[in-house]
Amino acid sequence: MLHVDFGISYLRLNTDQQQHFYVLKPGEDRVPDFLNKAFKKANRLQDILTENFKTGRTGNEILALTLQQAKKEGIEGAVYTHPIGFHGHAAGPTIGLWDQQGGVKGSGDYVLYPNTAYSIELNAASEIEEWGKSHTHHAGGRWYI
């Protein structure tokens, strides 16, 4: 499993990009099912988040609604999304921070406006028994994708 985090500038907009990659082991011809399930969980959390992007909602409202729906669906997630613009974190509502999942005072109180762009950053925890405690990424086989 590889994780990359890098910056991008395109059309004068700046953001960062994070991706996970799985490199097939010798003899494997596809990604293992247990890992596909973990990725689907993270993709569902992305969908929940973007479904809550409504003009006039604050970043803290979007965060709370997203985490409530995720919990209903059995997803243990964290959201740390920010607007992009002429610099990496632009004007607009912050939607969670990695260490502030109860809301972000100040920048989380700003409302969402139409025609703005966001860097969708989040993770969804998955227990991966197949990797167990022999991997040191997270104790007890808990991985964040």
N, C-alpha and C. Protein backbone atom coordinates (compact mmCIF):
# COMPACT_ATOMS: atom_id res chain seq x y z
N MET A 1 0.86 -1.16 0.00
CA MET A 1 0.00 0.00 0.00
C MET A 1 0.90 1.22 0.00
N LEU A 2 0.64 2.12 -0.92
CA LEU A 2 1.41 3.36 -1.01
C LEU A 2 0.46 4.55 -0.82
N HIS A 3 0.95 5.59 -0.20
CA HIS A 3 0.18 6.82 -0.01
C HIS A 3 1.04 7.99 -0.48
N VAL A 4 0.47 8.85 -1.30
CA VAL A 4 1.18 10.05 -1.74
C VAL A 4 0.33 11.28 -1.44
N ASP A 5 1.00 12.38 -1.16
CA ASP A 5 0.35 13.66 -0.86
C ASP A 5 1.23 14.72 -1.53
N PHE A 6 0.68 15.41 -2.50
CA PHE A 6 1.48 16.39 -3.23
C PHE A 6 0.63 17.57 -3.66
N GLY A 7 1.28 18.70 -3.98
CA GLY A 7 0.58 19.90 -4.39
C GLY A 7 0.41 19.98 -5.89
N ILE A 8 -0.65 20.66 -6.31
CA ILE A 8 -0.96 20.83 -7.73
C ILE A 8 -1.33 22.30 -7.98
N SER A 9 -0.84 22.84 -9.08
CA SER A 9 -1.29 24.15 -9.56
C SER A 9 -1.79 23.97 -10.98
N TYR A 10 -3.04 24.40 -11.24
CA TYR A 10 -3.65 24.24 -12.56
C TYR A 10 -4.64 25.38 -12.76
N LEU A 11 -4.57 26.05 -13.87
CA LEU A 11 -5.44 27.17 -14.17
C LEU A 11 -5.42 28.20 -13.03
N ARG A 12 -4.26 28.41 -12.47
CA ARG A 12 -4.01 29.36 -11.38
C ARG A 12 -4.67 28.95 -10.07
N LEU A 13 -5.23 27.74 -10.00
CA LEU A 13 -5.77 27.23 -8.75
C LEU A 13 -4.74 26.30 -8.12
N ASN A 14 -4.68 26.31 -6.80
CA ASN A 14 -3.71 25.49 -6.08
C ASN A 14 -4.43 24.61 -5.07
N THR A 15 -4.02 23.38 -5.02
CA THR A 15 -4.58 22.44 -4.05
C THR A 15 -3.55 21.36 -3.77
N ASP A 16 -3.95 20.40 -2.98
CA ASP A 16 -3.12 19.23 -2.75
C ASP A 16 -3.92 18.00 -3.14
N GLN A 17 -3.23 16.92 -3.33
CA GLN A 17 -3.83 15.68 -3.80
C GLN A 17 -3.27 14.54 -2.95
N GLN A 18 -4.15 13.70 -2.47
CA GLN A 18 -3.72 12.52 -1.74
C GLN A 18 -4.33 11.30 -2.42
N GLN A 19 -3.52 10.28 -2.58
CA GLN A 19 -3.98 9.05 -3.22
C GLN A 19 -3.39 7.84 -2.50
N HIS A 20 -4.15 6.76 -2.48
CA HIS A 20 -3.65 5.46 -2.01
C HIS A 20 -3.52 4.55 -3.23
N PHE A 21 -2.50 3.74 -3.20
CA PHE A 21 -2.28 2.78 -4.28
C PHE A 21 -1.93 1.43 -3.67
N TYR A 22 -2.46 0.42 -4.27
CA TYR A 22 -2.10 -0.93 -3.86
C TYR A 22 -1.29 -1.56 -4.98
N VAL A 23 -0.12 -2.06 -4.65
CA VAL A 23 0.73 -2.73 -5.63
C VAL A 23 0.49 -4.23 -5.48
N LEU A 24 0.09 -4.86 -6.57
CA LEU A 24 -0.20 -6.29 -6.53
C LEU A 24 1.04 -7.08 -6.12
N LYS A 25 0.83 -8.08 -5.29
CA LYS A 25 1.91 -8.98 -4.90
C LYS A 25 2.18 -9.94 -6.05
N PRO A 26 3.36 -10.55 -6.09
CA PRO A 26 3.61 -11.56 -7.11
C PRO A 26 2.53 -12.64 -7.06
N GLY A 27 1.97 -12.95 -8.21
CA GLY A 27 0.92 -13.95 -8.30
C GLY A 27 -0.49 -13.39 -8.18
N GLU A 28 -0.65 -12.16 -7.71
CA GLU A 28 -1.98 -11.55 -7.65
C GLU A 28 -2.33 -10.95 -9.01
N ASP A 29 -3.60 -11.07 -9.39
CA ASP A 29 -4.03 -10.46 -10.65
C ASP A 29 -5.10 -9.40 -10.45
N ARG A 30 -5.45 -9.16 -9.17
CA ARG A 30 -6.43 -8.11 -8.85
C ARG A 30 -6.26 -7.71 -7.38
N VAL A 31 -6.83 -6.56 -7.05
CA VAL A 31 -6.79 -6.08 -5.67
C VAL A 31 -7.64 -7.01 -4.81
N PRO A 32 -7.16 -7.39 -3.64
CA PRO A 32 -7.94 -8.28 -2.77
C PRO A 32 -9.30 -7.67 -2.40
N ASP A 33 -10.30 -8.53 -2.25
CA ASP A 33 -11.66 -8.09 -1.94
C ASP A 33 -11.72 -7.26 -0.66
N PHE A 34 -10.98 -7.67 0.37
CA PHE A 34 -11.03 -6.93 1.64
C PHE A 34 -10.56 -5.48 1.46
N LEU A 35 -9.64 -5.26 0.55
CA LEU A 35 -9.15 -3.90 0.30
C LEU A 35 -10.15 -3.11 -0.55
N ASN A 36 -10.78 -3.78 -1.50
CA ASN A 36 -11.83 -3.12 -2.28
C ASN A 36 -12.97 -2.65 -1.38
N LYS A 37 -13.31 -3.46 -0.37
CA LYS A 37 -14.36 -3.06 0.58
C LYS A 37 -13.95 -1.80 1.34
N ALA A 38 -12.69 -1.72 1.74
CA ALA A 38 -12.20 -0.54 2.46
C ALA A 38 -12.26 0.69 1.56
N PHE A 39 -11.85 0.55 0.32
CA PHE A 39 -11.91 1.68 -0.61
C PHE A 39 -13.35 2.11 -0.88
N LYS A 40 -14.26 1.16 -1.00
CA LYS A 40 -15.68 1.50 -1.22
C LYS A 40 -16.23 2.30 -0.05
N LYS A 41 -15.82 1.95 1.15
CA LYS A 41 -16.27 2.68 2.34
C LYS A 41 -15.79 4.14 2.27
N ALA A 42 -14.53 4.34 1.90
CA ALA A 42 -14.00 5.70 1.77
C ALA A 42 -14.69 6.46 0.63
N ASN A 43 -14.96 5.77 -0.47
CA ASN A 43 -15.67 6.42 -1.59
C ASN A 43 -17.09 6.80 -1.18
N ARG A 44 -17.73 5.98 -0.38
CA ARG A 44 -19.08 6.32 0.09
C ARG A 44 -19.03 7.56 0.98
N LEU A 45 -18.01 7.67 1.81
CA LEU A 45 -17.88 8.85 2.65
C LEU A 45 -17.70 10.11 1.79
N GLN A 46 -16.96 10.00 0.69
CA GLN A 46 -16.83 11.13 -0.24
C GLN A 46 -18.20 11.52 -0.78
N ASP A 47 -18.99 10.53 -1.16
CA ASP A 47 -20.33 10.82 -1.69
C ASP A 47 -21.21 11.49 -0.65
N ILE A 48 -21.17 11.00 0.58
CA ILE A 48 -21.97 11.60 1.65
C ILE A 48 -21.56 13.06 1.83
N LEU A 49 -20.27 13.32 1.86
CA LEU A 49 -19.78 14.69 2.03
C LEU A 49 -20.29 15.60 0.91
N THR A 50 -20.10 15.19 -0.33
CA THR A 50 -20.48 16.07 -1.44
C THR A 50 -22.00 16.21 -1.57
N GLU A 51 -22.76 15.22 -1.13
CA GLU A 51 -24.22 15.34 -1.11
C GLU A 51 -24.67 16.43 -0.13
N ASN A 52 -23.84 16.73 0.85
CA ASN A 52 -24.17 17.75 1.84
C ASN A 52 -23.66 19.14 1.46
N PHE A 53 -23.02 19.26 0.32
CA PHE A 53 -22.58 20.57 -0.16
C PHE A 53 -23.82 21.32 -0.68
N LYS A 54 -24.37 22.18 0.14
CA LYS A 54 -25.54 22.97 -0.23
C LYS A 54 -25.23 24.44 0.03
N THR A 55 -25.51 25.27 -0.95
CA THR A 55 -25.30 26.70 -0.81
C THR A 55 -25.96 27.21 0.47
N GLY A 56 -25.23 27.99 1.23
CA GLY A 56 -25.76 28.58 2.46
C GLY A 56 -25.46 27.79 3.72
N ARG A 57 -25.07 26.52 3.60
CA ARG A 57 -24.69 25.74 4.79
C ARG A 57 -23.29 26.16 5.21
N THR A 58 -23.06 26.14 6.50
CA THR A 58 -21.71 26.41 6.98
C THR A 58 -20.87 25.15 6.87
N GLY A 59 -19.57 25.33 6.94
CA GLY A 59 -18.69 24.18 6.95
C GLY A 59 -18.98 23.26 8.11
N ASN A 60 -19.30 23.84 9.27
CA ASN A 60 -19.60 23.02 10.45
C ASN A 60 -20.90 22.25 10.28
N GLU A 61 -21.89 22.84 9.62
CA GLU A 61 -23.14 22.11 9.34
C GLU A 61 -22.88 20.96 8.38
N ILE A 62 -22.11 21.20 7.34
CA ILE A 62 -21.78 20.15 6.36
C ILE A 62 -21.03 19.02 7.06
N LEU A 63 -20.09 19.38 7.92
CA LEU A 63 -19.32 18.37 8.67
C LEU A 63 -20.24 17.53 9.54
N ALA A 64 -21.09 18.18 10.33
CA ALA A 64 -21.98 17.45 11.25
C ALA A 64 -22.93 16.53 10.50
N LEU A 65 -23.54 17.02 9.44
CA LEU A 65 -24.47 16.19 8.65
C LEU A 65 -23.75 15.00 8.03
N THR A 66 -22.54 15.24 7.54
CA THR A 66 -21.75 14.17 6.92
C THR A 66 -21.41 13.09 7.94
N LEU A 67 -20.91 13.49 9.09
CA LEU A 67 -20.51 12.51 10.10
C LEU A 67 -21.72 11.77 10.67
N GLN A 68 -22.87 12.45 10.79
CA GLN A 68 -24.09 11.79 11.25
C GLN A 68 -24.52 10.70 10.28
N GLN A 69 -24.53 11.02 8.99
CA GLN A 69 -24.93 10.03 7.99
C GLN A 69 -23.92 8.88 7.93
N ALA A 70 -22.65 9.21 8.00
CA ALA A 70 -21.62 8.17 7.98
C ALA A 70 -21.83 7.21 9.15
N LYS A 71 -22.08 7.75 10.32
CA LYS A 71 -22.30 6.90 11.50
C LYS A 71 -23.51 5.99 11.30
N LYS A 72 -24.60 6.53 10.72
CA LYS A 72 -25.79 5.72 10.44
C LYS A 72 -25.45 4.55 9.52
N GLU A 73 -24.48 4.77 8.62
CA GLU A 73 -24.10 3.73 7.65
C GLU A 73 -22.94 2.87 8.15
N GLY A 74 -22.54 3.07 9.40
CA GLY A 74 -21.47 2.25 9.97
C GLY A 74 -20.08 2.63 9.49
N ILE A 75 -19.90 3.86 9.07
CA ILE A 75 -18.60 4.33 8.61
C ILE A 75 -17.98 5.19 9.70
N GLU A 76 -16.80 4.80 10.15
CA GLU A 76 -16.03 5.61 11.10
C GLU A 76 -15.10 6.50 10.27
N GLY A 77 -15.50 7.74 10.12
CA GLY A 77 -14.74 8.62 9.24
C GLY A 77 -14.29 9.89 9.90
N ALA A 78 -13.40 10.57 9.22
CA ALA A 78 -12.93 11.90 9.60
C ALA A 78 -12.86 12.74 8.33
N VAL A 79 -13.30 13.99 8.43
CA VAL A 79 -13.34 14.89 7.27
C VAL A 79 -12.49 16.10 7.58
N TYR A 80 -11.66 16.49 6.62
CA TYR A 80 -10.81 17.69 6.75
C TYR A 80 -10.65 18.32 5.38
N THR A 81 -11.75 18.91 4.94
CA THR A 81 -11.89 19.44 3.59
C THR A 81 -11.77 20.96 3.61
N HIS A 82 -11.18 21.50 2.56
CA HIS A 82 -10.99 22.95 2.51
C HIS A 82 -11.20 23.48 1.09
N PRO A 83 -11.57 24.77 0.99
CA PRO A 83 -11.71 25.37 -0.34
C PRO A 83 -10.34 25.58 -0.98
N ILE A 84 -10.31 25.58 -2.30
CA ILE A 84 -9.07 25.85 -3.01
C ILE A 84 -9.21 27.15 -3.80
N GLY A 85 -8.10 27.71 -4.15
CA GLY A 85 -8.11 28.97 -4.89
C GLY A 85 -6.72 29.33 -5.34
N PHE A 86 -6.36 30.60 -5.19
CA PHE A 86 -5.06 31.07 -5.64
C PHE A 86 -3.93 30.65 -4.71
N HIS A 87 -4.28 30.07 -3.58
CA HIS A 87 -3.32 29.45 -2.68
C HIS A 87 -3.97 28.16 -2.19
N GLY A 88 -3.24 27.33 -1.50
CA GLY A 88 -3.73 25.99 -1.17
C GLY A 88 -5.03 25.93 -0.39
N HIS A 89 -5.18 26.76 0.63
CA HIS A 89 -6.40 26.80 1.43
C HIS A 89 -7.00 28.18 1.22
N ALA A 90 -8.02 28.26 0.39
CA ALA A 90 -8.57 29.55 -0.03
C ALA A 90 -9.70 30.01 0.89
N ALA A 91 -10.28 31.14 0.52
CA ALA A 91 -11.40 31.70 1.28
C ALA A 91 -12.62 30.80 1.14
N GLY A 92 -13.33 30.61 2.22
CA GLY A 92 -14.53 29.77 2.23
C GLY A 92 -14.53 28.92 3.48
N PRO A 93 -15.55 28.10 3.65
CA PRO A 93 -15.66 27.33 4.88
C PRO A 93 -14.70 26.15 4.95
N THR A 94 -14.08 26.02 6.09
CA THR A 94 -13.33 24.81 6.40
C THR A 94 -14.35 23.78 6.85
N ILE A 95 -14.22 22.56 6.36
CA ILE A 95 -15.16 21.49 6.71
C ILE A 95 -14.37 20.44 7.49
N GLY A 96 -14.21 20.70 8.78
CA GLY A 96 -13.44 19.82 9.65
C GLY A 96 -11.94 19.99 9.50
N LEU A 97 -11.24 19.62 10.50
CA LEU A 97 -9.78 19.48 10.49
C LEU A 97 -9.48 18.12 11.10
N TRP A 98 -8.32 17.56 10.80
CA TRP A 98 -8.03 16.20 11.26
C TRP A 98 -8.23 16.08 12.77
N ASP A 99 -7.98 17.17 13.51
CA ASP A 99 -8.10 17.11 14.96
C ASP A 99 -9.30 17.90 15.49
N GLN A 100 -10.22 18.30 14.60
CA GLN A 100 -11.40 19.05 15.01
C GLN A 100 -12.64 18.52 14.28
N GLN A 101 -13.08 17.34 14.68
CA GLN A 101 -14.22 16.70 14.04
C GLN A 101 -15.56 17.15 14.65
N GLY A 102 -15.51 18.02 15.64
CA GLY A 102 -16.73 18.59 16.21
C GLY A 102 -17.05 19.96 15.65
N GLY A 103 -16.28 20.40 14.67
CA GLY A 103 -16.47 21.72 14.08
C GLY A 103 -15.23 22.57 14.25
N VAL A 104 -15.11 23.58 13.41
CA VAL A 104 -13.95 24.46 13.43
C VAL A 104 -14.45 25.88 13.69
N LYS A 105 -14.15 26.39 14.87
CA LYS A 105 -14.59 27.74 15.22
C LYS A 105 -13.96 28.75 14.27
N GLY A 106 -14.76 29.66 13.78
CA GLY A 106 -14.25 30.69 12.86
C GLY A 106 -14.43 30.25 11.42
N SER A 107 -13.41 29.64 10.84
CA SER A 107 -13.46 29.28 9.42
C SER A 107 -14.51 28.22 9.11
N GLY A 108 -14.91 27.43 10.09
CA GLY A 108 -15.97 26.45 9.88
C GLY A 108 -17.36 27.07 9.91
N ASP A 109 -17.43 28.32 10.37
CA ASP A 109 -18.71 29.03 10.45
C ASP A 109 -19.06 29.77 9.15
N TYR A 110 -18.11 29.83 8.21
CA TYR A 110 -18.39 30.48 6.93
C TYR A 110 -19.36 29.62 6.13
N VAL A 111 -20.16 30.27 5.28
CA VAL A 111 -21.12 29.52 4.47
C VAL A 111 -20.54 29.16 3.11
N LEU A 112 -21.10 28.11 2.55
CA LEU A 112 -20.72 27.64 1.22
C LEU A 112 -21.41 28.49 0.16
N TYR A 113 -20.65 28.93 -0.81
CA TYR A 113 -21.18 29.69 -1.94
C TYR A 113 -21.13 28.83 -3.19
N PRO A 114 -22.00 29.11 -4.17
CA PRO A 114 -21.95 28.35 -5.42
C PRO A 114 -20.67 28.66 -6.20
N ASN A 115 -20.35 27.77 -7.12
CA ASN A 115 -19.21 27.95 -8.01
C ASN A 115 -17.88 28.09 -7.29
N THR A 116 -17.71 27.32 -6.22
CA THR A 116 -16.44 27.27 -5.51
C THR A 116 -15.90 25.84 -5.61
N ALA A 117 -14.61 25.70 -5.42
CA ALA A 117 -13.96 24.39 -5.55
C ALA A 117 -13.35 23.98 -4.21
N TYR A 118 -13.37 22.68 -3.96
CA TYR A 118 -12.89 22.16 -2.69
C TYR A 118 -11.96 20.98 -2.88
N SER A 119 -10.98 20.90 -2.02
CA SER A 119 -10.14 19.72 -1.93
C SER A 119 -10.84 18.77 -0.97
N ILE A 120 -11.27 17.63 -1.48
CA ILE A 120 -12.00 16.65 -0.67
C ILE A 120 -10.96 15.78 0.04
N GLU A 121 -10.82 16.01 1.34
CA GLU A 121 -9.87 15.24 2.13
C GLU A 121 -10.62 14.60 3.28
N LEU A 122 -10.43 13.31 3.44
CA LEU A 122 -11.12 12.56 4.49
C LEU A 122 -10.49 11.18 4.59
N ASN A 123 -10.94 10.43 5.59
CA ASN A 123 -10.55 9.02 5.66
C ASN A 123 -11.67 8.23 6.32
N ALA A 124 -11.69 6.95 6.04
CA ALA A 124 -12.64 6.02 6.64
C ALA A 124 -11.84 4.85 7.20
N ALA A 125 -12.03 4.58 8.48
CA ALA A 125 -11.28 3.50 9.13
C ALA A 125 -11.85 2.14 8.75
N SER A 126 -10.97 1.19 8.53
CA SER A 126 -11.37 -0.18 8.23
C SER A 126 -10.47 -1.14 9.00
N GLU A 127 -11.11 -2.11 9.61
CA GLU A 127 -10.35 -3.20 10.25
C GLU A 127 -9.99 -4.19 9.15
N ILE A 128 -8.71 -4.45 8.99
CA ILE A 128 -8.26 -5.38 7.96
C ILE A 128 -7.56 -6.54 8.65
N GLU A 129 -8.35 -7.56 8.94
CA GLU A 129 -7.85 -8.72 9.67
C GLU A 129 -6.68 -9.38 8.95
N GLU A 130 -6.72 -9.38 7.63
CA GLU A 130 -5.67 -10.05 6.85
C GLU A 130 -4.30 -9.42 7.09
N TRP A 131 -4.26 -8.17 7.48
CA TRP A 131 -2.97 -7.52 7.74
C TRP A 131 -2.62 -7.53 9.21
N GLY A 132 -3.60 -7.70 10.07
CA GLY A 132 -3.38 -7.86 11.50
C GLY A 132 -2.39 -6.89 12.10
N LYS A 133 -1.75 -7.34 13.16
CA LYS A 133 -0.80 -6.50 13.89
C LYS A 133 0.60 -6.56 13.31
N SER A 134 0.81 -7.35 12.28
CA SER A 134 2.15 -7.46 11.71
C SER A 134 2.53 -6.22 10.92
N HIS A 135 1.55 -5.37 10.60
CA HIS A 135 1.82 -4.13 9.90
C HIS A 135 1.80 -2.98 10.90
N THR A 136 2.68 -2.06 10.76
CA THR A 136 2.81 -1.00 11.76
C THR A 136 2.09 0.28 11.38
N HIS A 137 1.36 0.31 10.25
CA HIS A 137 0.68 1.55 9.84
C HIS A 137 -0.26 2.02 10.93
N HIS A 138 -1.05 1.13 11.47
CA HIS A 138 -1.93 1.43 12.60
C HIS A 138 -2.10 0.16 13.41
N ALA A 139 -2.07 0.30 14.69
CA ALA A 139 -2.15 -0.85 15.59
C ALA A 139 -3.45 -1.62 15.40
N GLY A 140 -3.37 -2.90 15.56
CA GLY A 140 -4.56 -3.74 15.56
C GLY A 140 -5.20 -3.93 14.20
N GLY A 141 -4.50 -3.66 13.14
CA GLY A 141 -5.05 -3.88 11.82
C GLY A 141 -6.00 -2.78 11.36
N ARG A 142 -6.09 -1.65 12.06
CA ARG A 142 -6.96 -0.54 11.67
C ARG A 142 -6.19 0.35 10.69
N TRP A 143 -6.78 0.49 9.52
CA TRP A 143 -6.16 1.28 8.48
C TRP A 143 -7.10 2.40 8.09
N TYR A 144 -6.55 3.52 7.71
CA TYR A 144 -7.34 4.71 7.33
C TYR A 144 -7.13 4.96 5.86
N ILE A 145 -8.21 4.82 5.10
CA ILE A 145 -8.15 4.98 3.65
C ILE A 145 -9.03 6.13 3.24
